PDB file of N, CA and C in Angstrom:
ATOM      1  N   MET A   1       6.748  13.615  -4.363  1.00  0.00           N
ATOM      2  CA  MET A   1       6.127  12.646  -4.714  1.00  0.00           C
ATOM      3  C   MET A   1       5.301  12.181  -4.737  1.00  0.00           C
ATOM      4  N   PRO A   2       4.545  12.051  -6.024  1.00  0.00           N
ATOM      5  CA  PRO A   2       2.951  11.152  -6.402  1.00  0.00           C
ATOM      6  C   PRO A   2       2.651  10.258  -4.785  1.00  0.00           C
ATOM      7  N   LEU A   3       1.421  10.130  -4.520  1.00  0.00           N
ATOM      8  CA  LEU A   3       0.909   9.171  -3.922  1.00  0.00           C
ATOM      9  C   LEU A   3      -0.029   7.445  -4.617  1.00  0.00           C
ATOM     10  N   PHE A   4       0.375   6.748  -4.275  1.00  0.00           N
ATOM     11  CA  PHE A   4      -0.351   5.817  -5.731  1.00  0.00           C
ATOM     12  C   PHE A   4      -1.151   4.756  -4.552  1.00  0.00           C
ATOM     13  N   SER A   5      -2.218   3.729  -4.844  1.00  0.00           N
ATOM     14  CA  SER A   5      -2.587   3.169  -4.100  1.00  0.00           C
ATOM     15  C   SER A   5      -3.031   1.829  -4.788  1.00  0.00           C
ATOM     16  N   ILE A   6      -1.925   0.640  -4.207  1.00  0.00           N
ATOM     17  CA  ILE A   6      -2.008  -0.464  -4.961  1.00  0.00           C
ATOM     18  C   ILE A   6      -3.084  -1.220  -4.195  1.00  0.00           C
ATOM     19  N   GLU A   7      -4.007  -2.346  -5.214  1.00  0.00           N
ATOM     20  CA  GLU A   7      -4.418  -3.537  -5.311  1.00  0.00           C
ATOM     21  C   GLU A   7      -4.184  -4.609  -5.520  1.00  0.00           C
ATOM     22  N   ARG A   8      -4.035  -5.393  -3.905  1.00  0.00           N
ATOM     23  CA  ARG A   8      -3.469  -7.102  -4.911  1.00  0.00           C
ATOM     24  C   ARG A   8      -3.894  -8.226  -4.486  1.00  0.00           C
ATOM     25  N   GLU A   9      -4.437  -8.597  -5.509  1.00  0.00           N
ATOM     26  CA  GLU A   9      -5.720 -10.118  -5.094  1.00  0.00           C
ATOM     27  C   GLU A   9      -5.023 -10.835  -4.325  1.00  0.00           C
ATOM     28  N   LEU A  10      -4.826 -11.840  -3.835  1.00  0.00           N
ATOM     29  CA  LEU A  10      -3.933 -13.191  -3.193  1.00  0.00           C
ATOM     30  C   LEU A  10      -4.889 -14.216  -2.462  1.00  0.00           C
ATOM     31  N   PRO A  11      -5.903 -14.757  -3.438  1.00  0.00           N
ATOM     32  CA  PRO A  11      -6.177 -15.228  -2.881  1.00  0.00           C
ATOM     33  C   PRO A  11      -5.794 -16.692  -2.245  1.00  0.00           C
ATOM     34  N   GLY A  12      -5.657 -17.093  -1.134  1.00  0.00           N
ATOM     35  CA  GLY A  12      -5.258 -18.301  -0.157  1.00  0.00           C
ATOM     36  C   GLY A  12      -3.802 -18.071   0.544  1.00  0.00           C
ATOM     37  N   ALA A  13      -3.607 -16.406   0.383  1.00  0.00           N
ATOM     38  CA  ALA A  13      -2.466 -16.336   0.895  1.00  0.00           C
ATOM     39  C   ALA A  13      -2.349 -16.494   2.500  1.00  0.00           C
ATOM     40  N   THR A  14      -1.877 -16.394   2.767  1.00  0.00           N
ATOM     41  CA  THR A  14      -0.952 -17.259   4.293  1.00  0.00           C
ATOM     42  C   THR A  14      -0.192 -16.326   5.299  1.00  0.00           C
ATOM     43  N   LYS A  15      -0.173 -15.886   6.233  1.00  0.00           N
ATOM     44  CA  LYS A  15       0.959 -14.598   6.670  1.00  0.00           C
ATOM     45  C   LYS A  15       2.258 -14.428   6.516  1.00  0.00           C
ATOM     46  N   ALA A  16       2.939 -16.136   5.935  1.00  0.00           N
ATOM     47  CA  ALA A  16       4.120 -16.470   5.679  1.00  0.00           C
ATOM     48  C   ALA A  16       4.318 -15.884   4.014  1.00  0.00           C
ATOM     49  N   ASP A  17       3.486 -15.866   3.271  1.00  0.00           N
ATOM     50  CA  ASP A  17       3.336 -15.707   2.056  1.00  0.00           C
ATOM     51  C   ASP A  17       3.549 -14.114   1.503  1.00  0.00           C
ATOM     52  N   LEU A  18       2.147 -12.922   2.751  1.00  0.00           N
ATOM     53  CA  LEU A  18       2.204 -12.305   2.482  1.00  0.00           C
ATOM     54  C   LEU A  18       3.909 -11.823   3.311  1.00  0.00           C
ATOM     55  N   ASP A  19       4.981 -12.092   4.381  1.00  0.00           N
ATOM     56  CA  ASP A  19       6.032 -11.813   5.098  1.00  0.00           C
ATOM     57  C   ASP A  19       6.755 -11.525   3.960  1.00  0.00           C
ATOM     58  N   ALA A  20       6.962 -13.040   2.989  1.00  0.00           N
ATOM     59  CA  ALA A  20       7.397 -12.880   1.773  1.00  0.00           C
ATOM     60  C   ALA A  20       7.616 -11.873   1.198  1.00  0.00           C
ATOM     61  N   ALA A  21       6.121 -11.622  -0.095  1.00  0.00           N
ATOM     62  CA  ALA A  21       6.776 -10.556  -0.674  1.00  0.00           C
ATOM     63  C   ALA A  21       6.747  -9.538   0.136  1.00  0.00           C
ATOM     64  N   GLY A  22       6.654  -9.035   1.489  1.00  0.00           N
ATOM     65  CA  GLY A  22       6.780  -7.760   2.210  1.00  0.00           C
ATOM     66  C   GLY A  22       8.530  -7.684   1.890  1.00  0.00           C
ATOM     67  N   TYR A  23       9.121  -8.692   1.832  1.00  0.00           N
ATOM     68  CA  TYR A  23      10.532  -8.548   1.848  1.00  0.00           C
ATOM     69  C   TYR A  23      11.259  -8.394   0.749  1.00  0.00           C
ATOM     70  N   ARG A  24      10.464  -9.328  -0.562  1.00  0.00           N
ATOM     71  CA  ARG A  24      11.119  -8.764  -1.634  1.00  0.00           C
ATOM     72  C   ARG A  24      10.572  -7.798  -2.558  1.00  0.00           C
ATOM     73  N   ALA A  25       8.928  -6.966  -1.956  1.00  0.00           N
ATOM     74  CA  ALA A  25       8.329  -6.111  -1.919  1.00  0.00           C
ATOM     75  C   ALA A  25      10.339  -4.650  -1.583  1.00  0.00           C
ATOM     76  N   VAL A  26      10.459  -4.765  -0.371  1.00  0.00           N
ATOM     77  CA  VAL A  26      11.828  -4.180   0.039  1.00  0.00           C
ATOM     78  C   VAL A  26      12.780  -4.085  -0.492  1.00  0.00           C
ATOM     79  N   ALA A  27      13.577  -5.607  -0.646  1.00  0.00           N
ATOM     80  CA  ALA A  27      14.450  -5.606  -1.371  1.00  0.00           C
ATOM     81  C   ALA A  27      14.778  -5.135  -3.031  1.00  0.00           C
ATOM     82  N   CYS A  28      13.573  -4.911  -3.569  1.00  0.00           N
ATOM     83  CA  CYS A  28      13.384  -4.551  -4.875  1.00  0.00           C
ATOM     84  C   CYS A  28      13.661  -3.146  -4.686  1.00  0.00           C
ATOM     85  N   ALA A  29      13.165  -2.230  -4.051  1.00  0.00           N
ATOM     86  CA  ALA A  29      12.596  -1.475  -4.281  1.00  0.00           C
ATOM     87  C   ALA A  29      14.135   0.082  -4.601  1.00  0.00           C
ATOM     88  N   PHE A  30      15.158  -0.312  -3.764  1.00  0.00           N
ATOM     89  CA  PHE A  30      16.406  -0.092  -3.757  1.00  0.00           C
ATOM     90  C   PHE A  30      16.849   0.070  -5.495  1.00  0.00           C
ATOM     91  N   ASN A  31      15.996  -0.323  -6.349  1.00  0.00           N
ATOM     92  CA  ASN A  31      16.636  -0.526  -7.647  1.00  0.00           C
ATOM     93  C   ASN A  31      15.528   0.823  -8.061  1.00  0.00           C
ATOM     94  N   TYR A  32      14.680   1.052  -7.500  1.00  0.00           N
ATOM     95  CA  TYR A  32      13.722   2.678  -8.347  1.00  0.00           C
ATOM     96  C   TYR A  32      13.918   3.920  -7.341  1.00  0.00           C
ATOM     97  N   ALA A  33      14.583   4.876  -8.346  1.00  0.00           N
ATOM     98  CA  ALA A  33      14.600   6.326  -7.029  1.00  0.00           C
ATOM     99  C   ALA A  33      13.447   6.607  -6.907  1.00  0.00           C
ATOM    100  N   GLY A  34      12.913   6.546  -5.590  1.00  0.00           N
ATOM    101  CA  GLY A  34      11.996   8.111  -5.541  1.00  0.00           C
ATOM    102  C   GLY A  34      11.275   6.983  -5.090  1.00  0.00           C
ATOM    103  N   LEU A  35      10.927   5.439  -5.388  1.00  0.00           N
ATOM    104  CA  LEU A  35       9.979   4.264  -4.664  1.00  0.00           C
ATOM    105  C   LEU A  35       9.489   4.260  -3.661  1.00  0.00           C
ATOM    106  N   ARG A  36       8.550   4.480  -2.262  1.00  0.00           N
ATOM    107  CA  ARG A  36       8.939   4.149  -1.117  1.00  0.00           C
ATOM    108  C   ARG A  36       7.701   3.673  -0.801  1.00  0.00           C
ATOM    109  N   TRP A  37       7.483   2.339  -0.144  1.00  0.00           N
ATOM    110  CA  TRP A  37       6.269   2.291   0.266  1.00  0.00           C
ATOM    111  C   TRP A  37       6.256   2.135   1.409  1.00  0.00           C
ATOM    112  N   ILE A  38       4.701   3.056   1.850  1.00  0.00           N
ATOM    113  CA  ILE A  38       4.362   3.702   2.618  1.00  0.00           C
ATOM    114  C   ILE A  38       3.515   2.564   4.128  1.00  0.00           C
ATOM    115  N   SER A  39       2.986   2.345   3.210  1.00  0.00           N
ATOM    116  CA  SER A  39       1.389   0.973   4.425  1.00  0.00           C
ATOM    117  C   SER A  39       1.206   0.379   3.800  1.00  0.00           C
ATOM    118  N   SER A  40       0.017  -0.693   4.272  1.00  0.00           N
ATOM    119  CA  SER A  40      -0.426  -2.121   3.819  1.00  0.00           C
ATOM    120  C   SER A  40      -1.473  -1.907   4.593  1.00  0.00           C
ATOM    121  N   TYR A  41      -2.028  -2.751   3.943  1.00  0.00           N
ATOM    122  CA  TYR A  41      -3.510  -3.597   4.110  1.00  0.00           C
ATOM    123  C   TYR A  41      -4.214  -4.586   4.057  1.00  0.00           C
ATOM    124  N   TRP A  42      -3.994  -5.338   4.891  1.00  0.00           N
ATOM    125  CA  TRP A  42      -4.902  -7.337   4.471  1.00  0.00           C
ATOM    126  C   TRP A  42      -6.273  -7.309   4.597  1.00  0.00           C
ATOM    127  N   ASP A  43      -6.918  -7.160   3.838  1.00  0.00           N
ATOM    128  CA  ASP A  43      -8.216  -7.239   3.679  1.00  0.00           C
ATOM    129  C   ASP A  43      -8.848  -9.079   4.180  1.00  0.00           C
ATOM    130  N   ARG A  44      -8.454  -9.424   4.876  1.00  0.00           N
ATOM    131  CA  ARG A  44      -8.279 -11.200   4.993  1.00  0.00           C
ATOM    132  C   ARG A  44      -9.825 -11.775   4.586  1.00  0.00           C
ATOM    133  N   ALA A  45     -10.787 -11.178   4.856  1.00  0.00           N
ATOM    134  CA  ALA A  45     -12.055 -11.768   4.295  1.00  0.00           C
ATOM    135  C   ALA A  45     -12.231 -11.753   2.746  1.00  0.00           C
ATOM    136  N   GLY A  46     -11.832 -10.510   2.137  1.00  0.00           N
ATOM    137  CA  GLY A  46     -11.605  -9.858   0.729  1.00  0.00           C
ATOM    138  C   GLY A  46     -10.175 -10.644  -0.430  1.00  0.00           C
ATOM    139  N   GLU A  47      -9.429 -11.331   0.618  1.00  0.00           N
ATOM    140  CA  GLU A  47      -8.495 -11.971   0.167  1.00  0.00           C
ATOM    141  C   GLU A  47      -7.582 -11.246  -0.558  1.00  0.00           C
ATOM    142  N   ARG A  48      -7.167  -9.866  -0.323  1.00  0.00           N
ATOM    143  CA  ARG A  48      -6.820  -9.029  -0.897  1.00  0.00           C
ATOM    144  C   ARG A  48      -5.478  -8.202  -0.154  1.00  0.00           C
ATOM    145  N   VAL A  49      -4.587  -7.112  -0.885  1.00  0.00           N
ATOM    146  CA  VAL A  49      -4.031  -6.508   0.601  1.00  0.00           C
ATOM    147  C   VAL A  49      -4.076  -5.019  -0.781  1.00  0.00           C
ATOM    148  N   LEU A  50      -4.298  -4.245   0.030  1.00  0.00           N
ATOM    149  CA  LEU A  50      -3.703  -2.854  -0.594  1.00  0.00           C
ATOM    150  C   LEU A  50      -3.030  -1.849   0.460  1.00  0.00           C
ATOM    151  N   CYS A  51      -2.067  -1.588  -0.576  1.00  0.00           N
ATOM    152  CA  CYS A  51      -0.708  -0.766   0.021  1.00  0.00           C
ATOM    153  C   CYS A  51      -0.690   0.654  -0.501  1.00  0.00           C
ATOM    154  N   ILE A  52       0.088   1.248  -0.081  1.00  0.00           N
ATOM    155  CA  ILE A  52      -0.113   2.774  -0.383  1.00  0.00           C
ATOM    156  C   ILE A  52       1.628   3.415  -0.605  1.00  0.00           C
ATOM    157  N   TYR A  53       1.464   3.653  -1.605  1.00  0.00           N
ATOM    158  CA  TYR A  53       3.406   4.298  -2.276  1.00  0.00           C
ATOM    159  C   TYR A  53       3.511   5.764  -2.358  1.00  0.00           C
ATOM    160  N   GLU A  54       4.484   6.287  -2.206  1.00  0.00           N
ATOM    161  CA  GLU A  54       5.355   6.753  -3.220  1.00  0.00           C
ATOM    162  C   GLU A  54       6.325   6.585  -4.405  1.00  0.00           C
ATOM    163  N   ALA A  55       5.700   7.001  -5.449  1.00  0.00           N
ATOM    164  CA  ALA A  55       6.823   6.614  -6.863  1.00  0.00           C
ATOM    165  C   ALA A  55       6.617   8.085  -7.660  1.00  0.00           C
ATOM    166  N   GLU A  56       7.508   7.674  -8.729  1.00  0.00           N
ATOM    167  CA  GLU A  56       7.846   8.489  -9.917  1.00  0.00           C
ATOM    168  C   GLU A  56       6.085   8.383 -10.393  1.00  0.00           C
ATOM    169  N   SER A  57       6.014   7.600 -10.633  1.00  0.00           N
ATOM    170  CA  SER A  57       4.687   6.490 -11.723  1.00  0.00           C
ATOM    171  C   SER A  57       3.956   5.367 -11.915  1.00  0.00           C
ATOM    172  N   ALA A  58       2.910   5.607 -12.210  1.00  0.00           N
ATOM    173  CA  ALA A  58       2.709   3.891 -11.892  1.00  0.00           C
ATOM    174  C   ALA A  58       3.080   3.113 -12.639  1.00  0.00           C
ATOM    175  N   GLU A  59       3.999   3.376 -13.544  1.00  0.00           N
ATOM    176  CA  GLU A  59       4.521   1.930 -14.411  1.00  0.00           C
ATOM    177  C   GLU A  59       5.933   1.787 -13.706  1.00  0.00           C
ATOM    178  N   GLN A  60       6.448   2.845 -12.630  1.00  0.00           N
ATOM    179  CA  GLN A  60       7.208   2.552 -11.839  1.00  0.00           C
ATOM    180  C   GLN A  60       6.879   1.471 -10.723  1.00  0.00           C
ATOM    181  N   ILE A  61       5.868   1.408 -10.376  1.00  0.00           N
ATOM    182  CA  ILE A  61       5.231   0.508  -9.680  1.00  0.00           C
ATOM    183  C   ILE A  61       5.035  -0.923 -10.240  1.00  0.00           C
ATOM    184  N   GLU A  62       4.473  -0.941 -11.621  1.00  0.00           N
ATOM    185  CA  GLU A  62       4.698  -1.981 -11.969  1.00  0.00           C
ATOM    186  C   GLU A  62       5.632  -2.950 -11.890  1.00  0.00           C
ATOM    187  N   HIS A  63       6.747  -2.380 -12.744  1.00  0.00           N
ATOM    188  CA  HIS A  63       7.894  -2.457 -12.886  1.00  0.00           C
ATOM    189  C   HIS A  63       8.735  -3.463 -11.676  1.00  0.00           C
ATOM    190  N   HIS A  64       8.835  -2.623 -10.203  1.00  0.00           N
ATOM    191  CA  HIS A  64       8.463  -3.318  -8.947  1.00  0.00           C
ATOM    192  C   HIS A  64       7.711  -4.269  -9.114  1.00  0.00           C
ATOM    193  N   SER A  65       6.321  -4.356  -8.915  1.00  0.00           N
ATOM    194  CA  SER A  65       5.800  -5.088  -9.091  1.00  0.00           C
ATOM    195  C   SER A  65       6.303  -6.361  -9.624  1.00  0.00           C
ATOM    196  N   MET A  66       6.288  -6.452 -10.774  1.00  0.00           N
ATOM    197  CA  MET A  66       6.524  -8.065 -11.265  1.00  0.00           C
ATOM    198  C   MET A  66       8.065  -7.745 -11.158  1.00  0.00           C
ATOM    199  N   ARG A  67       9.191  -7.039 -10.517  1.00  0.00           N
ATOM    200  CA  ARG A  67      10.475  -7.908 -10.354  1.00  0.00           C
ATOM    201  C   ARG A  67      10.239  -8.274  -8.818  1.00  0.00           C
ATOM    202  N   ALA A  68       9.798  -7.754  -8.000  1.00  0.00           N
ATOM    203  CA  ALA A  68       9.393  -8.737  -6.794  1.00  0.00           C
ATOM    204  C   ALA A  68       8.771  -9.639  -6.341  1.00  0.00           C
ATOM    205  N   ARG A  69       7.495  -9.999  -7.941  1.00  0.00           N
ATOM    206  CA  ARG A  69       6.864 -11.002  -8.182  1.00  0.00           C
ATOM    207  C   ARG A  69       5.940 -10.935  -6.686  1.00  0.00           C
ATOM    208  N   ILE A  70       5.502  -9.716  -7.017  1.00  0.00           N
ATOM    209  CA  ILE A  70       4.439  -9.804  -6.068  1.00  0.00           C
ATOM    210  C   ILE A  70       2.967  -8.951  -7.536  1.00  0.00           C
ATOM    211  N   PRO A  71       1.903  -9.148  -6.938  1.00  0.00           N
ATOM    212  CA  PRO A  71       0.312  -9.194  -7.566  1.00  0.00           C
ATOM    213  C   PRO A  71       0.258  -7.228  -7.949  1.00  0.00           C
ATOM    214  N   CYS A  72      -0.225  -6.836  -8.729  1.00  0.00           N
ATOM    215  CA  CYS A  72      -0.698  -5.607  -9.080  1.00  0.00           C
ATOM    216  C   CYS A  72      -1.843  -5.213 -10.029  1.00  0.00           C
ATOM    217  N   ASP A  73      -2.751  -5.799  -9.588  1.00  0.00           N
ATOM    218  CA  ASP A  73      -3.853  -5.294 -10.057  1.00  0.00           C
ATOM    219  C   ASP A  73      -4.543  -4.114 -10.156  1.00  0.00           C
ATOM    220  N   ARG A  74      -4.499  -3.447  -9.217  1.00  0.00           N
ATOM    221  CA  ARG A  74      -5.310  -1.833  -9.982  1.00  0.00           C
ATOM    222  C   ARG A  74      -4.185  -0.785  -9.213  1.00  0.00           C
ATOM    223  N   ILE A  75      -3.798   0.107  -9.735  1.00  0.00           N
ATOM    224  CA  ILE A  75      -2.950   1.089  -9.750  1.00  0.00           C
ATOM    225  C   ILE A  75      -3.705   1.834  -9.564  1.00  0.00           C
ATOM    226  N   SER A  76      -4.265   3.258  -8.484  1.00  0.00           N
ATOM    227  CA  SER A  76      -4.572   4.553  -8.368  1.00  0.00           C
ATOM    228  C   SER A  76      -3.824   5.767  -7.855  1.00  0.00           C
ATOM    229  N   GLN A  77      -3.649   6.444  -8.582  1.00  0.00           N
ATOM    230  CA  GLN A  77      -3.004   7.630  -7.884  1.00  0.00           C
ATOM    231  C   GLN A  77      -3.990   8.474  -6.817  1.00  0.00           C
ATOM    232  N   VAL A  78      -3.362   8.593  -5.382  1.00  0.00           N
ATOM    233  CA  VAL A  78      -4.392   9.143  -4.469  1.00  0.00           C
ATOM    234  C   VAL A  78      -3.783  10.396  -3.941  1.00  0.00           C
ATOM    235  N   GLU A  79      -4.464  11.177  -3.492  1.00  0.00           N
ATOM    236  CA  GLU A  79      -3.937  12.345  -2.782  1.00  0.00           C
ATOM    237  C   GLU A  79      -4.195  11.960  -0.742  1.00  0.00           C
ATOM    238  N   HIS A  80      -3.480  12.368   0.009  1.00  0.00           N
ATOM    239  CA  HIS A  80      -3.533  12.359   1.548  1.00  0.00           C
ATOM    240  C   HIS A  80      -4.834  13.127   2.163  1.00  0.00           C
ATOM    241  N   PHE A  81      -5.186  12.470   2.822  1.00  0.00           N
ATOM    242  CA  PHE A  81      -6.593  13.695   3.173  1.00  0.00           C
ATOM    243  C   PHE A  81      -6.598  12.781   4.662  1.00  0.00           C
ATOM    244  N   ASP A  82      -6.170  13.474   5.662  1.00  0.00           N
ATOM    245  CA  ASP A  82      -5.139  12.867   7.069  1.00  0.00           C
ATOM    246  C   ASP A  82      -7.161  13.813   8.020  1.00  0.00           C
ATOM    247  N   SER A  83      -7.691  12.942   8.957  1.00  0.00           N
ATOM    248  CA  SER A  83      -8.653  13.240   9.594  1.00  0.00           C
ATOM    249  C   SER A  83      -8.746  13.771  10.793  1.00  0.00           C
ATOM    250  N   THR A  84      -7.164  14.018  10.600  1.00  0.00           N
ATOM    251  CA  THR A  84      -6.542  14.694  12.960  1.00  0.00           C
ATOM    252  C   THR A  84      -7.266  16.228  12.564  1.00  0.00           C
ATOM    253  N   GLY A  85      -7.160  16.719  11.035  1.00  0.00           N
ATOM    254  CA  GLY A  85      -7.411  18.259  11.294  1.00  0.00           C
ATOM    255  C   GLY A  85      -8.999  18.513  11.455  1.00  0.00           C
ATOM    256  N   PHE A  86      -9.796  17.704  11.538  1.00  0.00           N
ATOM    257  CA  PHE A  86     -10.929  17.103  12.110  1.00  0.00           C
ATOM    258  C   PHE A  86     -11.281  16.889  13.403  1.00  0.00           C
ATOM    259  N   THR A  87     -10.812  16.107  13.991  1.00  0.00           N
ATOM    260  CA  THR A  87     -10.984  15.282  15.167  1.00  0.00           C
ATOM    261  C   THR A  87     -10.361  16.208  16.214  1.00  0.00           C
ATOM    262  N   ASN A  88      -9.121  16.992  16.088  1.00  0.00           N
ATOM    263  CA  ASN A  88      -8.934  17.958  17.029  1.00  0.00           C
ATOM    264  C   ASN A  88     -10.251  19.227  17.023  1.00  0.00           C
ATOM    265  N   ALA A  89     -10.879  19.458  15.965  1.00  0.00           N
ATOM    266  CA  ALA A  89     -11.126  20.164  16.156  1.00  0.00           C
ATOM    267  C   ALA A  89     -12.839  20.029  16.587  1.00  0.00           C
ATOM    268  N   VAL A  90     -13.055  19.065  16.501  1.00  0.00           N
ATOM    269  CA  VAL A  90     -14.394  18.327  17.057  1.00  0.00           C
ATOM    270  C   VAL A  90     -14.470  18.362  18.595  1.00  0.00           C
ATOM    271  N   GLU A  91     -15.438  18.543  19.954  1.00  0.00           N
ATOM    272  CA  GLU A  91     -15.183  17.676  21.317  1.00  0.00           C
ATOM    273  C   GLU A  91     -16.326  16.582  21.343  1.00  0.00           C
ATOM    274  N   ALA A  92     -15.362  15.416  22.005  1.00  0.00           N
ATOM    275  CA  ALA A  92     -16.005  14.731  22.285  1.00  0.00           C
ATOM    276  C   ALA A  92     -17.503  15.023  23.211  1.00  0.00           C
ATOM    277  N   PRO A  93     -18.585  14.357  22.907  1.00  0.00           N
ATOM    278  CA  PRO A  93     -19.596  14.068  23.165  1.00  0.00           C
ATOM    279  C   PRO A  93     -19.523  13.923  25.168  1.00  0.00           C
ATOM    280  N   PRO A  94     -20.279  14.564  26.027  1.00  0.00           N
ATOM    281  CA  PRO A  94     -19.828  14.255  27.607  1.00  0.00           C
ATOM    282  C   PRO A  94     -20.285  12.201  27.963  1.00  0.00           C
ATOM    283  N   ALA A  95     -19.470  11.826  28.497  1.00  0.00           N
ATOM    284  CA  ALA A  95     -19.977  10.934  28.919  1.00  0.00           C
ATOM    285  C   ALA A  95     -21.027  10.305  29.561  1.00  0.00           C
ATOM    286  N   GLY A  96     -21.535   9.116  29.354  1.00  0.00           N
ATOM    287  CA  GLY A  96     -23.033   8.893  29.732  1.00  0.00           C
ATOM    288  C   GLY A  96     -23.865   9.711  30.624  1.00  0.00           C
TER     289      GLY A  96
END
């Protein structure tokens, strides 16, 4: 299933606003086959949220966002890149 990054501009959002948006996102996801919210990151200073979803298409994410009443300012298809393979291959420098 393709992965997507979604940027959501949320000026003035509070923790309660984010909690409500998260609840709506989960409640609406059941209406979309294959759609899965993986994680989100709140950039408090930038007043935006970055979300990672699995979905069939960017259009599916747009429809889900409209139904959940959450912003969907930018969508990009992305690929997973994990640091684990690199961090396990490099030894930590000796302690001081």
